Amino acid sequence: MRSSDTRHARDGLLEDYVVPVCEFVRQGDVAILRRLEGTAFFIGKDGLFLTAAHVLRSVEARRKETSDLVGLVVKDHADPKLSRLSVIQAYDYAPEPYDIAIGRTYFYSRSWFSAPPSKAIAGWQDVAALGYPETALNASPDKFNVHLRTLKGYVQRPIAENELPALGRHPSAYELNFPITAGMSGSPLFVADGPKANRLVGVCVGSYSAEVTEYRRVEVRDAGEKYEERQIKVEQYGIAQAVEGLLDWKPNVAGNRTLRELLIPAT
């Protein structure tokens, strides 16, 4: 598959802004998709995108054993029924402890996201996410279809830097009332302030689980044997790392531009 450098000749689709990250091999002019790695989203018109850093690091680790390439599956500029594969040319990792990366492809892209709102994100804030979970993947020897899934929920609480031991070292983040499942890593978390004001607030990086014992009964039988019965509820929360602290970051692939400059102005 080849990406086109022409400008879009049609109305935008959600799949123009948020795309799957996949591994593939070339067979002549055809790209054979091997694996869904995660989700990415464009933040400018010159092929720049954000994703989770661990999505690209997992590809790097496998490159020692395989010749597979990594790219973004994008919609054709003229015909949305056609998909093309745009190879990732370069990327930079955000400073530690962020699990965020920015990359570049040779693809004329669209951006749908503006800078975060000036007011701090607090609990009960409605948020949305878009991505490509593995559960939406339809793969067979002659077919590889993955469908965009939309999520909507709220922030349960903002998490301060290194506040949650289960996450290890981490920047400021948001705990969500919905999980970020496999394939959704790299998805945008945003506040919808109107059709032209989708304010980016974070990059989804995964989930963590907590066990709650709802019921426990212990009895000692006549022979002295102890019998225990428990009912455990597993709660799973999504995690998105806040982008606010990265707005002045100037990655090399962005040509000395800050993340703030790459996001479209809010209207």
Protein backbone atom coordinates (compact mmCIF):
# COMPACT_ATOMS: atom_id res chain seq x y z
CA MET A 1 0.00 0.00 0.00
CA ARG A 2 1.20 3.53 -0.73
CA SER A 3 0.10 6.69 1.02
CA SER A 4 -1.01 9.62 -1.10
CA ASP A 5 0.45 13.10 -0.81
CA THR A 6 -2.63 14.75 -2.33
CA ARG A 7 -5.00 16.71 -0.17
CA HIS A 8 -8.32 15.29 0.96
CA ALA A 9 -11.04 15.47 -1.69
CA ARG A 10 -13.91 14.45 0.63
CA ASP A 11 -15.46 15.14 4.02
CA GLY A 12 -13.58 13.85 7.03
CA LEU A 13 -14.29 10.60 8.86
CA LEU A 14 -13.25 9.67 12.39
CA GLU A 15 -10.89 7.14 10.78
CA ASP A 16 -9.02 10.06 9.15
CA TYR A 17 -7.97 11.37 12.55
CA VAL A 18 -7.50 8.22 14.65
CA VAL A 19 -5.75 5.23 13.05
CA PRO A 20 -4.46 1.75 13.96
CA VAL A 21 -0.74 1.05 14.37
CA CYS A 22 0.11 -2.25 12.69
CA GLU A 23 3.08 -4.42 11.81
CA PHE A 24 3.31 -5.58 8.22
CA VAL A 25 5.53 -7.12 5.57
CA ARG A 26 5.82 -6.05 1.94
CA GLN A 27 5.09 -8.43 -0.89
CA GLY A 28 5.70 -6.37 -4.01
CA ASP A 29 3.28 -3.44 -3.95
CA VAL A 30 1.04 -5.12 -1.36
CA ALA A 31 1.34 -4.77 2.42
CA ILE A 32 0.39 -7.89 4.40
CA LEU A 33 -0.72 -6.88 7.88
CA ARG A 34 0.60 -9.13 10.65
CA ARG A 35 -0.35 -7.62 13.98
CA LEU A 36 -2.35 -4.81 15.57
CA GLU A 37 -0.09 -2.94 17.97
CA GLY A 38 -2.19 -0.02 19.18
CA THR A 39 -3.77 3.28 18.23
CA ALA A 40 -2.38 6.62 17.07
CA PHE A 41 -3.92 9.98 16.22
CA PHE A 42 -2.79 12.83 13.99
CA ILE A 43 -2.01 16.23 15.45
CA GLY A 44 -1.12 18.15 12.31
CA LYS A 45 -1.37 18.22 8.54
CA ASP A 46 2.13 16.93 7.85
CA GLY A 47 1.84 13.36 9.11
CA LEU A 48 2.72 13.90 12.78
CA PHE A 49 0.92 11.69 15.27
CA LEU A 50 0.86 10.77 18.96
CA THR A 51 0.65 7.30 20.45
CA ALA A 52 1.74 5.43 23.57
CA ALA A 53 5.51 4.94 23.77
CA HIS A 54 5.17 1.27 24.76
CA VAL A 55 3.38 0.59 21.46
CA LEU A 56 6.52 1.55 19.52
CA ARG A 57 8.89 -0.02 22.05
CA SER A 58 7.18 -3.38 21.65
CA VAL A 59 7.79 -3.16 17.90
CA GLU A 60 11.45 -2.26 18.50
CA ALA A 61 11.88 -5.35 20.69
CA ARG A 62 10.49 -7.67 18.01
CA ARG A 63 12.62 -6.14 15.25
CA LYS A 64 15.56 -8.11 16.64
CA GLU A 65 13.79 -11.28 15.52
CA THR A 66 11.73 -10.20 12.51
CA SER A 67 11.94 -7.98 9.45
CA ASP A 68 8.38 -6.68 9.85
CA LEU A 69 7.79 -2.96 9.36
CA VAL A 70 5.43 -0.71 11.32
CA GLY A 71 2.98 1.80 9.92
CA LEU A 72 -0.41 3.46 10.20
CA VAL A 73 -3.43 2.18 8.30
CA VAL A 74 -5.02 5.30 6.80
CA LYS A 75 -8.04 5.98 4.61
CA ASP A 76 -7.49 6.92 0.98
CA HIS A 77 -7.78 10.68 0.43
CA ALA A 78 -10.34 10.27 -2.35
CA ASP A 79 -12.12 6.99 -1.60
CA PRO A 80 -12.74 6.09 2.08
CA LYS A 81 -13.51 2.50 1.10
CA LEU A 82 -9.82 2.06 0.32
CA SER A 83 -7.13 1.80 2.99
CA ARG A 84 -3.45 2.55 2.55
CA LEU A 85 -0.49 1.88 4.76
CA SER A 86 1.79 4.78 5.69
CA VAL A 87 5.18 3.67 7.01
CA ILE A 88 6.39 5.35 10.22
CA GLN A 89 9.52 7.24 9.21
CA ALA A 90 10.79 8.52 12.55
CA TYR A 91 9.65 9.02 16.12
CA ASP A 92 10.70 10.50 19.46
CA TYR A 93 9.84 9.43 22.98
CA ALA A 94 8.59 12.01 25.45
CA PRO A 95 10.80 12.64 28.48
CA GLU A 96 10.58 10.16 31.33
CA PRO A 97 8.33 9.16 32.99
CA TYR A 98 5.84 9.73 30.13
CA ASP A 99 4.59 6.73 28.16
CA ILE A 100 3.93 8.96 25.14
CA ALA A 101 5.64 9.15 21.74
CA ILE A 102 5.35 11.34 18.66
CA GLY A 103 6.03 10.02 15.17
CA ARG A 104 6.01 11.10 11.54
CA THR A 105 4.77 9.54 8.32
CA TYR A 106 4.77 10.86 4.75
CA PHE A 107 1.04 11.37 4.74
CA TYR A 108 -1.06 14.49 4.39
CA SER A 109 -3.14 14.16 7.54
CA ARG A 110 -5.95 15.91 9.35
CA SER A 111 -6.02 17.03 12.96
CA TRP A 112 -9.15 16.99 15.09
CA PHE A 113 -7.78 18.06 18.46
CA SER A 114 -7.11 21.40 20.11
CA ALA A 115 -5.17 22.26 23.26
CA PRO A 116 -6.50 21.21 26.68
CA PRO A 117 -9.03 23.48 28.39
CA SER A 118 -7.58 26.15 30.66
CA LYS A 119 -9.66 24.88 33.57
CA ALA A 120 -8.16 21.90 35.38
CA ILE A 121 -9.75 18.51 34.70
CA ALA A 122 -11.46 17.22 37.83
CA GLY A 123 -13.59 14.26 38.85
CA TRP A 124 -16.90 13.80 37.02
CA GLN A 125 -15.51 15.49 33.90
CA ASP A 126 -17.09 13.91 30.83
CA VAL A 127 -14.44 12.59 28.41
CA ALA A 128 -14.30 10.47 25.27
CA ALA A 129 -11.77 8.20 23.57
CA LEU A 130 -11.39 6.61 20.14
CA GLY A 131 -9.30 3.58 19.31
CA TYR A 132 -8.89 0.12 17.83
CA PRO A 133 -9.25 -2.66 20.42
CA GLU A 134 -8.19 -6.20 19.64
CA THR A 135 -11.79 -7.30 20.28
CA ALA A 136 -12.79 -5.34 17.16
CA LEU A 137 -10.20 -7.15 15.03
CA ASN A 138 -11.41 -9.52 12.31
CA ALA A 139 -8.35 -11.35 11.04
CA SER A 140 -7.98 -14.37 8.76
CA PRO A 141 -5.31 -15.52 6.27
CA ASP A 142 -6.83 -13.30 3.55
CA LYS A 143 -8.41 -10.53 5.63
CA PHE A 144 -7.33 -8.06 8.31
CA ASN A 145 -10.12 -5.71 9.37
CA VAL A 146 -10.03 -3.66 12.55
CA HIS A 147 -12.87 -1.33 13.43
CA LEU A 148 -12.82 1.95 15.32
CA ARG A 149 -14.51 1.89 18.71
CA THR A 150 -15.80 5.01 20.44
CA LEU A 151 -15.83 5.26 24.23
CA LYS A 152 -17.47 7.82 26.46
CA GLY A 153 -17.34 8.14 30.22
CA TYR A 154 -15.87 10.36 32.89
CA VAL A 155 -12.75 11.04 34.90
CA GLN A 156 -13.03 9.33 38.28
CA ARG A 157 -10.12 11.30 39.66
CA PRO A 158 -6.97 13.10 38.56
CA ILE A 159 -3.80 11.30 39.65
CA ALA A 160 -0.79 13.32 40.74
CA GLU A 161 2.71 12.39 39.56
CA ASN A 162 3.88 9.08 41.11
CA GLU A 163 0.76 8.95 43.29
CA LEU A 164 -0.34 5.45 42.25
CA PRO A 165 2.29 2.78 43.11
CA ALA A 166 0.65 0.21 40.83
CA LEU A 167 1.74 2.32 37.84
CA GLY A 168 5.39 2.68 38.86
CA ARG A 169 6.94 6.05 37.96
CA HIS A 170 4.35 8.07 36.07
CA PRO A 171 3.43 11.68 35.24
CA SER A 172 0.12 13.30 36.08
CA ALA A 173 -2.71 11.15 34.79
CA TYR A 174 -6.44 10.52 34.86
CA GLU A 175 -8.29 7.52 36.23
CA LEU A 176 -11.23 6.67 33.96
CA ASN A 177 -14.44 4.79 34.63
CA PHE A 178 -13.85 2.59 31.56
CA PRO A 179 -10.91 0.27 30.82
CA ILE A 180 -8.29 0.80 28.11
CA THR A 181 -8.04 -2.66 26.59
CA ALA A 182 -5.39 -4.18 24.33
CA GLY A 183 -5.15 -2.22 21.08
CA MET A 184 -6.52 0.99 22.64
CA SER A 185 -3.12 2.11 23.95
CA GLY A 186 -2.26 5.39 22.24
CA SER A 187 -5.88 6.50 21.93
CA PRO A 188 -6.70 10.19 22.44
CA LEU A 189 -8.62 11.20 25.55
CA PHE A 190 -10.49 14.42 24.90
CA VAL A 191 -13.24 16.76 26.07
CA ALA A 192 -15.85 17.48 23.41
CA ASP A 193 -16.58 21.21 23.70
CA GLY A 194 -18.34 21.40 20.36
CA PRO A 195 -18.00 20.10 16.80
CA LYS A 196 -14.80 22.10 16.24
CA ALA A 197 -13.39 22.05 19.77
CA ASN A 198 -12.33 18.56 20.73
CA ARG A 199 -9.84 19.43 23.45
CA LEU A 200 -7.09 16.86 23.91
CA VAL A 201 -6.40 16.14 27.58
CA GLY A 202 -4.48 12.87 27.55
CA VAL A 203 -3.11 9.79 25.82
CA CYS A 204 -4.58 6.46 26.95
CA VAL A 205 -1.85 4.05 28.05
CA GLY A 206 -3.58 1.09 29.72
CA SER A 207 -5.59 -0.08 32.71
CA TYR A 208 -5.05 -1.27 36.24
CA SER A 209 -7.15 -3.61 38.33
CA ALA A 210 -8.17 -3.76 41.96
CA GLU A 211 -9.80 -6.64 43.82
CA VAL A 212 -12.60 -6.05 46.31
CA THR A 213 -13.83 -8.85 48.58
CA GLU A 214 -17.62 -8.64 48.58
CA TYR A 215 -18.27 -11.78 50.58
CA ARG A 216 -16.14 -14.06 52.80
CA ARG A 217 -17.15 -17.02 54.91
CA VAL A 218 -14.83 -19.25 56.93
CA GLU A 219 -15.91 -22.37 58.78
CA VAL A 220 -14.08 -25.17 60.55
CA ARG A 221 -15.43 -28.61 59.85
CA ASP A 222 -15.70 -31.43 62.41
CA ALA A 223 -12.34 -32.90 61.42
CA GLY A 224 -10.68 -29.54 62.03
CA GLU A 225 -10.36 -28.77 58.35
CA LYS A 226 -10.87 -25.09 57.54
CA TYR A 227 -13.15 -24.22 54.65
CA GLU A 228 -13.13 -20.72 53.16
CA GLU A 229 -15.44 -19.23 50.57
CA ARG A 230 -14.93 -15.81 49.02
CA GLN A 231 -16.59 -13.73 46.35
CA ILE A 232 -14.24 -11.21 44.76
CA LYS A 233 -15.14 -8.34 42.49
CA VAL A 234 -12.43 -7.18 40.08
CA GLU A 235 -12.61 -3.48 39.25
CA GLN A 236 -10.73 -2.23 36.21
CA TYR A 237 -9.96 1.42 35.50
CA GLY A 238 -8.47 3.05 32.44
CA ILE A 239 -5.43 5.30 32.70
CA ALA A 240 -4.62 8.25 30.45
CA GLN A 241 -1.50 10.34 30.94
CA ALA A 242 -2.12 14.09 30.93
CA VAL A 243 -0.64 16.01 27.98
CA GLU A 244 -0.72 19.39 29.72
CA GLY A 245 2.83 18.95 31.02
CA LEU A 246 4.10 18.22 27.50
CA LEU A 247 2.65 21.23 25.68
CA ASP A 248 6.05 22.96 25.52
CA TRP A 249 7.96 19.82 24.50
CA LYS A 250 9.88 20.26 21.22
CA PRO A 251 10.49 16.80 19.72
CA ASN A 252 13.02 16.51 16.91
CA VAL A 253 10.51 15.04 14.45
CA ALA A 254 8.34 18.14 14.86
CA GLY A 255 10.99 20.49 13.51
CA ASN A 256 11.46 22.55 16.68
CA ARG A 257 7.72 23.09 17.08
CA THR A 258 6.03 22.56 20.43
CA LEU A 259 3.11 20.23 20.98
CA ARG A 260 1.02 23.33 21.71
CA GLU A 261 1.80 24.68 18.24
CA LEU A 262 0.83 21.42 16.57
CA LEU A 263 -2.63 21.27 18.13
CA ILE A 264 -5.27 23.28 16.27
CA PRO A 265 -6.51 26.50 17.93
CA ALA A 266 -9.76 26.06 19.80
CA THR A 267 -12.75 27.93 18.36
